[in-house]
Amino acid sequence: MIELTEQQVAELKTPESMPLRVVNPWTRETFVLLRMEDYERLKAVDYDDSPWTSEERHALAWESGRHAGWEDMDDYDDLTEEP
């Protein structure tokens, strides 16, 4: 477990900083610190870390294509299907 720095503890006391964002200085990735009870509540209700099904992957690809302006995806599907 990682302990918070004094700067992070001070930031937690200001409501406008919530949720607290932390940046990895090497990768520039941003992370969000949540209280454990908030994390558990979110995980129980909305979080699903199971592997994506084939149907979910297909739906995501379809939606991405639609947003990219590929209106004729049905024609593409016909070309890629095995006989």
N, C-alpha and C. Protein backbone atom coordinates (compact mmCIF):
# COMPACT_ATOMS: atom_id res chain seq x y z
N MET A 1 0.85 -1.17 0.00
CA MET A 1 0.00 0.00 0.00
C MET A 1 0.89 1.23 0.00
N ILE A 2 0.47 2.25 -0.73
CA ILE A 2 1.21 3.50 -0.82
C ILE A 2 0.57 4.52 0.12
N GLU A 3 1.37 5.21 0.89
CA GLU A 3 0.85 6.26 1.76
C GLU A 3 0.83 7.59 1.03
N LEU A 4 -0.18 8.39 1.34
CA LEU A 4 -0.30 9.71 0.72
C LEU A 4 0.79 10.65 1.22
N THR A 5 1.19 11.55 0.34
CA THR A 5 2.14 12.58 0.74
C THR A 5 1.38 13.66 1.51
N GLU A 6 2.12 14.54 2.18
CA GLU A 6 1.47 15.65 2.91
C GLU A 6 0.70 16.54 1.95
N GLN A 7 1.24 16.75 0.76
CA GLN A 7 0.57 17.57 -0.24
C GLN A 7 -0.76 16.93 -0.65
N GLN A 8 -0.78 15.63 -0.81
CA GLN A 8 -2.01 14.94 -1.19
C GLN A 8 -3.04 14.99 -0.07
N VAL A 9 -2.60 14.82 1.16
CA VAL A 9 -3.52 14.89 2.30
C VAL A 9 -4.14 16.28 2.38
N ALA A 10 -3.33 17.33 2.16
CA ALA A 10 -3.84 18.70 2.18
C ALA A 10 -4.86 18.90 1.06
N GLU A 11 -4.60 18.35 -0.11
CA GLU A 11 -5.53 18.47 -1.24
C GLU A 11 -6.85 17.78 -0.95
N LEU A 12 -6.82 16.67 -0.23
CA LEU A 12 -8.05 15.95 0.11
C LEU A 12 -9.00 16.78 0.96
N LYS A 13 -8.47 17.77 1.63
CA LYS A 13 -9.28 18.60 2.52
C LYS A 13 -10.04 19.69 1.77
N THR A 14 -9.73 19.89 0.49
CA THR A 14 -10.42 20.91 -0.30
C THR A 14 -11.46 20.24 -1.19
N PRO A 15 -12.74 20.61 -1.04
CA PRO A 15 -13.80 19.94 -1.80
C PRO A 15 -13.65 20.08 -3.32
N GLU A 16 -13.08 21.17 -3.79
CA GLU A 16 -12.95 21.37 -5.23
C GLU A 16 -11.92 20.45 -5.86
N SER A 17 -11.09 19.83 -5.06
CA SER A 17 -10.07 18.92 -5.60
C SER A 17 -10.57 17.48 -5.72
N MET A 18 -11.80 17.23 -5.29
CA MET A 18 -12.31 15.87 -5.30
C MET A 18 -12.89 15.50 -6.64
N PRO A 19 -12.67 14.36 -7.20
CA PRO A 19 -11.72 13.38 -6.69
C PRO A 19 -10.29 13.83 -6.98
N LEU A 20 -9.38 13.44 -6.14
CA LEU A 20 -7.99 13.85 -6.26
C LEU A 20 -7.33 13.14 -7.43
N ARG A 21 -6.71 13.93 -8.31
CA ARG A 21 -6.02 13.37 -9.47
C ARG A 21 -4.52 13.34 -9.19
N VAL A 22 -3.89 12.24 -9.59
CA VAL A 22 -2.46 12.05 -9.36
C VAL A 22 -1.83 11.68 -10.71
N VAL A 23 -0.68 12.29 -11.02
CA VAL A 23 -0.02 12.05 -12.30
C VAL A 23 1.27 11.26 -12.07
N ASN A 24 1.44 10.19 -12.87
CA ASN A 24 2.68 9.44 -12.87
C ASN A 24 3.70 10.27 -13.65
N PRO A 25 4.78 10.74 -13.00
CA PRO A 25 5.72 11.62 -13.69
C PRO A 25 6.46 10.97 -14.85
N TRP A 26 6.54 9.65 -14.87
CA TRP A 26 7.27 8.97 -15.94
C TRP A 26 6.40 8.72 -17.17
N THR A 27 5.13 8.34 -16.95
CA THR A 27 4.26 8.01 -18.08
C THR A 27 3.27 9.12 -18.42
N ARG A 28 3.11 10.08 -17.52
CA ARG A 28 2.13 11.17 -17.65
C ARG A 28 0.70 10.66 -17.57
N GLU A 29 0.51 9.43 -17.12
CA GLU A 29 -0.85 8.91 -16.92
C GLU A 29 -1.45 9.57 -15.69
N THR A 30 -2.76 9.83 -15.76
CA THR A 30 -3.47 10.43 -14.64
C THR A 30 -4.33 9.36 -13.97
N PHE A 31 -4.28 9.35 -12.65
CA PHE A 31 -5.08 8.42 -11.85
C PHE A 31 -5.97 9.23 -10.92
N VAL A 32 -7.03 8.60 -10.46
CA VAL A 32 -7.96 9.24 -9.54
C VAL A 32 -7.97 8.47 -8.24
N LEU A 33 -7.82 9.18 -7.13
CA LEU A 33 -7.89 8.54 -5.82
C LEU A 33 -9.33 8.62 -5.31
N LEU A 34 -9.87 7.48 -4.95
CA LEU A 34 -11.22 7.41 -4.39
C LEU A 34 -11.17 6.82 -3.00
N ARG A 35 -12.10 7.26 -2.16
CA ARG A 35 -12.23 6.59 -0.87
C ARG A 35 -12.68 5.16 -1.11
N MET A 36 -12.26 4.26 -0.27
CA MET A 36 -12.56 2.84 -0.45
C MET A 36 -14.06 2.60 -0.56
N GLU A 37 -14.87 3.25 0.27
CA GLU A 37 -16.32 3.01 0.19
C GLU A 37 -16.90 3.50 -1.14
N ASP A 38 -16.36 4.58 -1.70
CA ASP A 38 -16.82 5.05 -3.01
C ASP A 38 -16.43 4.04 -4.09
N TYR A 39 -15.20 3.54 -4.03
CA TYR A 39 -14.74 2.54 -4.99
C TYR A 39 -15.59 1.28 -4.92
N GLU A 40 -15.85 0.79 -3.72
CA GLU A 40 -16.65 -0.43 -3.55
C GLU A 40 -18.06 -0.23 -4.07
N ARG A 41 -18.63 0.96 -3.82
CA ARG A 41 -19.98 1.25 -4.31
C ARG A 41 -20.01 1.26 -5.84
N LEU A 42 -19.05 1.91 -6.46
CA LEU A 42 -18.98 1.95 -7.91
C LEU A 42 -18.73 0.57 -8.50
N LYS A 43 -17.86 -0.17 -7.88
CA LYS A 43 -17.52 -1.50 -8.37
C LYS A 43 -18.74 -2.43 -8.30
N ALA A 44 -19.50 -2.33 -7.23
CA ALA A 44 -20.65 -3.20 -7.05
C ALA A 44 -21.78 -2.89 -8.04
N VAL A 45 -21.92 -1.64 -8.41
CA VAL A 45 -23.05 -1.24 -9.25
C VAL A 45 -22.69 -1.22 -10.74
N ASP A 46 -21.60 -0.58 -11.09
CA ASP A 46 -21.32 -0.30 -12.49
C ASP A 46 -20.12 -1.02 -13.07
N TYR A 47 -19.26 -1.57 -12.28
CA TYR A 47 -17.99 -2.07 -12.77
C TYR A 47 -18.08 -3.53 -13.19
N ASP A 48 -17.63 -3.79 -14.39
CA ASP A 48 -17.61 -5.17 -14.90
C ASP A 48 -16.25 -5.39 -15.53
N ASP A 49 -15.41 -6.19 -14.90
CA ASP A 49 -14.07 -6.42 -15.45
C ASP A 49 -13.95 -7.78 -16.13
N SER A 50 -15.09 -8.37 -16.45
CA SER A 50 -15.04 -9.65 -17.15
C SER A 50 -14.59 -9.42 -18.59
N PRO A 51 -14.01 -10.44 -19.22
CA PRO A 51 -13.59 -10.29 -20.62
C PRO A 51 -14.78 -9.96 -21.51
N TRP A 52 -14.52 -9.16 -22.54
CA TRP A 52 -15.59 -8.81 -23.47
C TRP A 52 -16.01 -10.03 -24.26
N THR A 53 -17.29 -10.13 -24.51
CA THR A 53 -17.79 -11.21 -25.35
C THR A 53 -17.57 -10.83 -26.81
N SER A 54 -17.70 -11.80 -27.67
CA SER A 54 -17.59 -11.55 -29.11
C SER A 54 -18.64 -10.54 -29.55
N GLU A 55 -19.84 -10.65 -29.01
CA GLU A 55 -20.92 -9.73 -29.36
C GLU A 55 -20.59 -8.31 -28.92
N GLU A 56 -20.00 -8.15 -27.73
CA GLU A 56 -19.63 -6.82 -27.25
C GLU A 56 -18.54 -6.20 -28.12
N ARG A 57 -17.54 -7.02 -28.50
CA ARG A 57 -16.47 -6.51 -29.38
C ARG A 57 -17.03 -6.11 -30.74
N HIS A 58 -17.92 -6.91 -31.26
CA HIS A 58 -18.53 -6.60 -32.56
C HIS A 58 -19.35 -5.30 -32.47
N ALA A 59 -20.13 -5.16 -31.40
CA ALA A 59 -20.95 -3.95 -31.23
C ALA A 59 -20.06 -2.71 -31.10
N LEU A 60 -18.96 -2.83 -30.38
CA LEU A 60 -18.05 -1.70 -30.23
C LEU A 60 -17.42 -1.33 -31.57
N ALA A 61 -17.00 -2.32 -32.35
CA ALA A 61 -16.42 -2.06 -33.67
C ALA A 61 -17.46 -1.40 -34.58
N TRP A 62 -18.67 -1.89 -34.52
CA TRP A 62 -19.74 -1.33 -35.33
C TRP A 62 -20.00 0.14 -34.96
N GLU A 63 -20.10 0.40 -33.68
CA GLU A 63 -20.36 1.77 -33.21
C GLU A 63 -19.20 2.70 -33.57
N SER A 64 -17.98 2.22 -33.44
CA SER A 64 -16.81 3.03 -33.80
C SER A 64 -16.83 3.35 -35.29
N GLY A 65 -17.15 2.38 -36.10
CA GLY A 65 -17.24 2.60 -37.54
C GLY A 65 -18.32 3.60 -37.89
N ARG A 66 -19.45 3.50 -37.22
CA ARG A 66 -20.55 4.44 -37.48
C ARG A 66 -20.12 5.86 -37.14
N HIS A 67 -19.43 6.03 -36.01
CA HIS A 67 -18.96 7.36 -35.61
C HIS A 67 -17.88 7.88 -36.55
N ALA A 68 -17.16 6.98 -37.20
CA ALA A 68 -16.11 7.39 -38.14
C ALA A 68 -16.69 7.70 -39.52
N GLY A 69 -17.99 7.50 -39.67
CA GLY A 69 -18.63 7.82 -40.95
C GLY A 69 -18.70 6.67 -41.92
N TRP A 70 -18.47 5.46 -41.46
CA TRP A 70 -18.55 4.29 -42.33
C TRP A 70 -19.99 3.82 -42.35
N GLU A 71 -20.76 4.35 -43.25
CA GLU A 71 -22.19 4.07 -43.27
C GLU A 71 -22.52 2.70 -43.88
N ASP A 72 -21.64 2.16 -44.72
CA ASP A 72 -21.95 0.93 -45.43
C ASP A 72 -21.27 -0.28 -44.81
N MET A 73 -21.31 -0.40 -43.49
CA MET A 73 -20.67 -1.51 -42.80
C MET A 73 -21.33 -2.85 -43.16
N ASP A 74 -22.61 -2.85 -43.55
CA ASP A 74 -23.27 -4.10 -43.94
C ASP A 74 -22.57 -4.71 -45.14
N ASP A 75 -22.18 -3.87 -46.09
CA ASP A 75 -21.47 -4.36 -47.27
C ASP A 75 -20.14 -4.98 -46.87
N TYR A 76 -19.44 -4.36 -45.92
CA TYR A 76 -18.15 -4.90 -45.45
C TYR A 76 -18.35 -6.25 -44.78
N ASP A 77 -19.38 -6.36 -43.94
CA ASP A 77 -19.65 -7.63 -43.27
C ASP A 77 -19.89 -8.75 -44.27
N ASP A 78 -20.59 -8.44 -45.38
CA ASP A 78 -20.85 -9.45 -46.40
C ASP A 78 -19.55 -9.92 -47.04
N LEU A 79 -18.57 -9.04 -47.19
CA LEU A 79 -17.31 -9.40 -47.82
C LEU A 79 -16.41 -10.22 -46.91
N THR A 80 -16.56 -10.06 -45.59
CA THR A 80 -15.66 -10.74 -44.66
C THR A 80 -16.18 -12.06 -44.15
N GLU A 81 -17.44 -12.36 -44.40
CA GLU A 81 -18.01 -13.61 -43.90
C GLU A 81 -17.49 -14.79 -44.70
N GLU A 82 -17.28 -15.88 -44.03
CA GLU A 82 -16.84 -17.12 -44.69
C GLU A 82 -18.02 -17.74 -45.41
N PRO A 83 -17.80 -18.37 -46.58
CA PRO A 83 -18.91 -19.02 -47.31
C PRO A 83 -19.44 -20.24 -46.59
